[in-house]
PDB file of N, CA and C in Angstrom:
ATOM      1  N   MET A   1      -0.733 -48.591  49.635  1.00  0.00           N
ATOM      2  CA  MET A   1      -2.029 -49.228  49.844  1.00  0.00           C
ATOM      3  C   MET A   1      -3.051 -48.513  48.960  1.00  0.00           C
ATOM      4  N   ASP A   2      -3.882 -49.270  48.268  1.00  0.00           N
ATOM      5  CA  ASP A   2      -4.868 -48.664  47.373  1.00  0.00           C
ATOM      6  C   ASP A   2      -6.186 -48.366  48.092  1.00  0.00           C
ATOM      7  N   ILE A   3      -7.070 -47.683  47.408  1.00  0.00           N
ATOM      8  CA  ILE A   3      -8.340 -47.244  47.988  1.00  0.00           C
ATOM      9  C   ILE A   3      -9.194 -48.427  48.449  1.00  0.00           C
ATOM     10  N   TYR A   4      -9.134 -49.543  47.714  1.00  0.00           N
ATOM     11  CA  TYR A   4      -9.932 -50.712  48.085  1.00  0.00           C
ATOM     12  C   TYR A   4      -9.440 -51.310  49.400  1.00  0.00           C
ATOM     13  N   GLN A   5      -8.131 -51.402  49.563  1.00  0.00           N
ATOM     14  CA  GLN A   5      -7.568 -51.954  50.802  1.00  0.00           C
ATOM     15  C   GLN A   5      -7.853 -51.038  51.984  1.00  0.00           C
ATOM     16  N   LYS A   6      -7.749 -49.729  51.765  1.00  0.00           N
ATOM     17  CA  LYS A   6      -8.055 -48.781  52.841  1.00  0.00           C
ATOM     18  C   LYS A   6      -9.513 -48.906  53.264  1.00  0.00           C
ATOM     19  N   ALA A   7     -10.409 -49.008  52.291  1.00  0.00           N
ATOM     20  CA  ALA A   7     -11.832 -49.153  52.607  1.00  0.00           C
ATOM     21  C   ALA A   7     -12.089 -50.455  53.348  1.00  0.00           C
ATOM     22  N   LEU A   8     -11.497 -51.538  52.877  1.00  0.00           N
ATOM     23  CA  LEU A   8     -11.683 -52.836  53.529  1.00  0.00           C
ATOM     24  C   LEU A   8     -11.153 -52.815  54.958  1.00  0.00           C
ATOM     25  N   ASN A   9      -9.989 -52.220  55.164  1.00  0.00           N
ATOM     26  CA  ASN A   9      -9.429 -52.114  56.518  1.00  0.00           C
ATOM     27  C   ASN A   9     -10.361 -51.334  57.439  1.00  0.00           C
ATOM     28  N   THR A  10     -10.903 -50.226  56.953  1.00  0.00           N
ATOM     29  CA  THR A  10     -11.817 -49.412  57.755  1.00  0.00           C
ATOM     30  C   THR A  10     -13.089 -50.182  58.072  1.00  0.00           C
ATOM     31  N   MET A  11     -13.645 -50.865  57.070  1.00  0.00           N
ATOM     32  CA  MET A  11     -14.865 -51.647  57.284  1.00  0.00           C
ATOM     33  C   MET A  11     -14.643 -52.759  58.302  1.00  0.00           C
ATOM     34  N   ASN A  12     -13.504 -53.434  58.206  1.00  0.00           N
ATOM     35  CA  ASN A  12     -13.198 -54.514  59.152  1.00  0.00           C
ATOM     36  C   ASN A  12     -12.925 -53.980  60.553  1.00  0.00           C
ATOM     37  N   ARG A  13     -12.130 -52.915  60.651  1.00  0.00           N
ATOM     38  CA  ARG A  13     -11.762 -52.344  61.949  1.00  0.00           C
ATOM     39  C   ARG A  13     -13.000 -51.879  62.721  1.00  0.00           C
ATOM     40  N   ASN A  14     -13.992 -51.387  62.006  1.00  0.00           N
ATOM     41  CA  ASN A  14     -15.196 -50.864  62.648  1.00  0.00           C
ATOM     42  C   ASN A  14     -16.378 -51.830  62.606  1.00  0.00           C
ATOM     43  N   SER A  15     -16.127 -53.072  62.216  1.00  0.00           N
ATOM     44  CA  SER A  15     -17.168 -54.106  62.153  1.00  0.00           C
ATOM     45  C   SER A  15     -18.409 -53.603  61.423  1.00  0.00           C
ATOM     46  N   MET A  16     -18.196 -52.993  60.253  1.00  0.00           N
ATOM     47  CA  MET A  16     -19.288 -52.377  59.507  1.00  0.00           C
ATOM     48  C   MET A  16     -20.106 -53.370  58.700  1.00  0.00           C
ATOM     49  N   THR A  17     -19.519 -54.484  58.280  1.00  0.00           N
ATOM     50  CA  THR A  17     -20.232 -55.474  57.477  1.00  0.00           C
ATOM     51  C   THR A  17     -19.822 -56.874  57.893  1.00  0.00           C
ATOM     52  N   GLU A  18     -20.616 -57.824  57.442  1.00  0.00           N
ATOM     53  CA  GLU A  18     -20.316 -59.249  57.604  1.00  0.00           C
ATOM     54  C   GLU A  18     -20.507 -59.907  56.254  1.00  0.00           C
ATOM     55  N   PRO A  19     -19.852 -61.041  56.013  1.00  0.00           N
ATOM     56  CA  PRO A  19     -20.027 -61.729  54.734  1.00  0.00           C
ATOM     57  C   PRO A  19     -21.503 -62.006  54.445  1.00  0.00           C
ATOM     58  N   GLY A  20     -21.919 -61.743  53.220  1.00  0.00           N
ATOM     59  CA  GLY A  20     -23.297 -61.979  52.806  1.00  0.00           C
ATOM     60  C   GLY A  20     -24.254 -60.849  53.126  1.00  0.00           C
ATOM     61  N   MET A  21     -23.797 -59.846  53.844  1.00  0.00           N
ATOM     62  CA  MET A  21     -24.648 -58.726  54.222  1.00  0.00           C
ATOM     63  C   MET A  21     -24.936 -57.839  53.014  1.00  0.00           C
ATOM     64  N   HIS A  22     -26.157 -57.311  52.940  1.00  0.00           N
ATOM     65  CA  HIS A  22     -26.513 -56.343  51.908  1.00  0.00           C
ATOM     66  C   HIS A  22     -26.138 -54.951  52.410  1.00  0.00           C
ATOM     67  N   VAL A  23     -25.673 -54.112  51.509  1.00  0.00           N
ATOM     68  CA  VAL A  23     -25.280 -52.751  51.855  1.00  0.00           C
ATOM     69  C   VAL A  23     -26.025 -51.789  50.946  1.00  0.00           C
ATOM     70  N   ILE A  24     -26.557 -50.725  51.519  1.00  0.00           N
ATOM     71  CA  ILE A  24     -27.241 -49.683  50.762  1.00  0.00           C
ATOM     72  C   ILE A  24     -26.411 -48.415  50.882  1.00  0.00           C
ATOM     73  N   ALA A  25     -26.191 -47.744  49.757  1.00  0.00           N
ATOM     74  CA  ALA A  25     -25.439 -46.489  49.765  1.00  0.00           C
ATOM     75  C   ALA A  25     -26.251 -45.406  49.075  1.00  0.00           C
ATOM     76  N   ALA A  26     -26.355 -44.250  49.715  1.00  0.00           N
ATOM     77  CA  ALA A  26     -26.997 -43.088  49.099  1.00  0.00           C
ATOM     78  C   ALA A  26     -25.935 -42.364  48.280  1.00  0.00           C
ATOM     79  N   VAL A  27     -26.246 -42.097  47.029  1.00  0.00           N
ATOM     80  CA  VAL A  27     -25.280 -41.484  46.124  1.00  0.00           C
ATOM     81  C   VAL A  27     -25.874 -40.191  45.564  1.00  0.00           C
ATOM     82  N   SER A  28     -25.161 -39.083  45.775  1.00  0.00           N
ATOM     83  CA  SER A  28     -25.645 -37.777  45.310  1.00  0.00           C
ATOM     84  C   SER A  28     -25.202 -37.469  43.888  1.00  0.00           C
ATOM     85  N   GLY A  29     -24.187 -38.151  43.417  1.00  0.00           N
ATOM     86  CA  GLY A  29     -23.643 -37.867  42.097  1.00  0.00           C
ATOM     87  C   GLY A  29     -22.349 -37.094  42.161  1.00  0.00           C
ATOM     88  N   GLY A  30     -21.966 -36.638  43.355  1.00  0.00           N
ATOM     89  CA  GLY A  30     -20.688 -35.954  43.539  1.00  0.00           C
ATOM     90  C   GLY A  30     -19.542 -36.962  43.473  1.00  0.00           C
ATOM     91  N   ALA A  31     -18.346 -36.451  43.326  1.00  0.00           N
ATOM     92  CA  ALA A  31     -17.169 -37.315  43.163  1.00  0.00           C
ATOM     93  C   ALA A  31     -16.977 -38.267  44.340  1.00  0.00           C
ATOM     94  N   ASP A  32     -17.196 -37.799  45.566  1.00  0.00           N
ATOM     95  CA  ASP A  32     -16.964 -38.663  46.728  1.00  0.00           C
ATOM     96  C   ASP A  32     -17.971 -39.804  46.805  1.00  0.00           C
ATOM     97  N   SER A  33     -19.244 -39.533  46.525  1.00  0.00           N
ATOM     98  CA  SER A  33     -20.230 -40.611  46.610  1.00  0.00           C
ATOM     99  C   SER A  33     -20.134 -41.567  45.423  1.00  0.00           C
ATOM    100  N   VAL A  34     -19.738 -41.071  44.264  1.00  0.00           N
ATOM    101  CA  VAL A  34     -19.531 -41.965  43.122  1.00  0.00           C
ATOM    102  C   VAL A  34     -18.331 -42.878  43.400  1.00  0.00           C
ATOM    103  N   CYS A  35     -17.296 -42.344  44.023  1.00  0.00           N
ATOM    104  CA  CYS A  35     -16.138 -43.161  44.419  1.00  0.00           C
ATOM    105  C   CYS A  35     -16.578 -44.238  45.411  1.00  0.00           C
ATOM    106  N   LEU A  36     -17.400 -43.856  46.391  1.00  0.00           N
ATOM    107  CA  LEU A  36     -17.927 -44.835  47.346  1.00  0.00           C
ATOM    108  C   LEU A  36     -18.677 -45.941  46.628  1.00  0.00           C
ATOM    109  N   LEU A  37     -19.501 -45.576  45.669  1.00  0.00           N
ATOM    110  CA  LEU A  37     -20.258 -46.571  44.907  1.00  0.00           C
ATOM    111  C   LEU A  37     -19.323 -47.540  44.188  1.00  0.00           C
ATOM    112  N   TRP A  38     -18.288 -47.031  43.540  1.00  0.00           N
ATOM    113  CA  TRP A  38     -17.322 -47.882  42.838  1.00  0.00           C
ATOM    114  C   TRP A  38     -16.599 -48.817  43.802  1.00  0.00           C
ATOM    115  N   VAL A  39     -16.215 -48.304  44.970  1.00  0.00           N
ATOM    116  CA  VAL A  39     -15.520 -49.143  45.962  1.00  0.00           C
ATOM    117  C   VAL A  39     -16.451 -50.244  46.449  1.00  0.00           C
ATOM    118  N   LEU A  40     -17.701 -49.909  46.761  1.00  0.00           N
ATOM    119  CA  LEU A  40     -18.643 -50.924  47.223  1.00  0.00           C
ATOM    120  C   LEU A  40     -18.927 -51.945  46.132  1.00  0.00           C
ATOM    121  N   LYS A  41     -19.026 -51.494  44.907  1.00  0.00           N
ATOM    122  CA  LYS A  41     -19.247 -52.424  43.786  1.00  0.00           C
ATOM    123  C   LYS A  41     -18.072 -53.387  43.663  1.00  0.00           C
ATOM    124  N   HIS A  42     -16.884 -52.909  43.902  1.00  0.00           N
ATOM    125  CA  HIS A  42     -15.686 -53.754  43.856  1.00  0.00           C
ATOM    126  C   HIS A  42     -15.803 -54.937  44.829  1.00  0.00           C
ATOM    127  N   PHE A  43     -16.441 -54.699  45.966  1.00  0.00           N
ATOM    128  CA  PHE A  43     -16.574 -55.739  46.987  1.00  0.00           C
ATOM    129  C   PHE A  43     -17.819 -56.616  46.801  1.00  0.00           C
ATOM    130  N   SER A  44     -18.667 -56.289  45.842  1.00  0.00           N
ATOM    131  CA  SER A  44     -19.903 -57.050  45.665  1.00  0.00           C
ATOM    132  C   SER A  44     -19.612 -58.452  45.119  1.00  0.00           C
ATOM    133  N   ALA A  45     -20.546 -59.344  45.357  1.00  0.00           N
ATOM    134  CA  ALA A  45     -20.374 -60.743  44.975  1.00  0.00           C
ATOM    135  C   ALA A  45     -20.629 -60.981  43.491  1.00  0.00           C
ATOM    136  N   ASP A  46     -21.331 -60.060  42.798  1.00  0.00           N
ATOM    137  CA  ASP A  46     -21.634 -60.347  41.381  1.00  0.00           C
ATOM    138  C   ASP A  46     -20.533 -59.915  40.498  1.00  0.00           C
TER     139      ASP A  46
END
């Protein structure tokens, strides 16, 4: 299972988002927050 599927499973299991919802992420520039940004961008509609 890849990082995108793991993130999606976690988001769905915890009811973190709904379709069309806007998400804001604070990014410090460290590896973990930059990875979070890339994963969230992967799920974006644009």
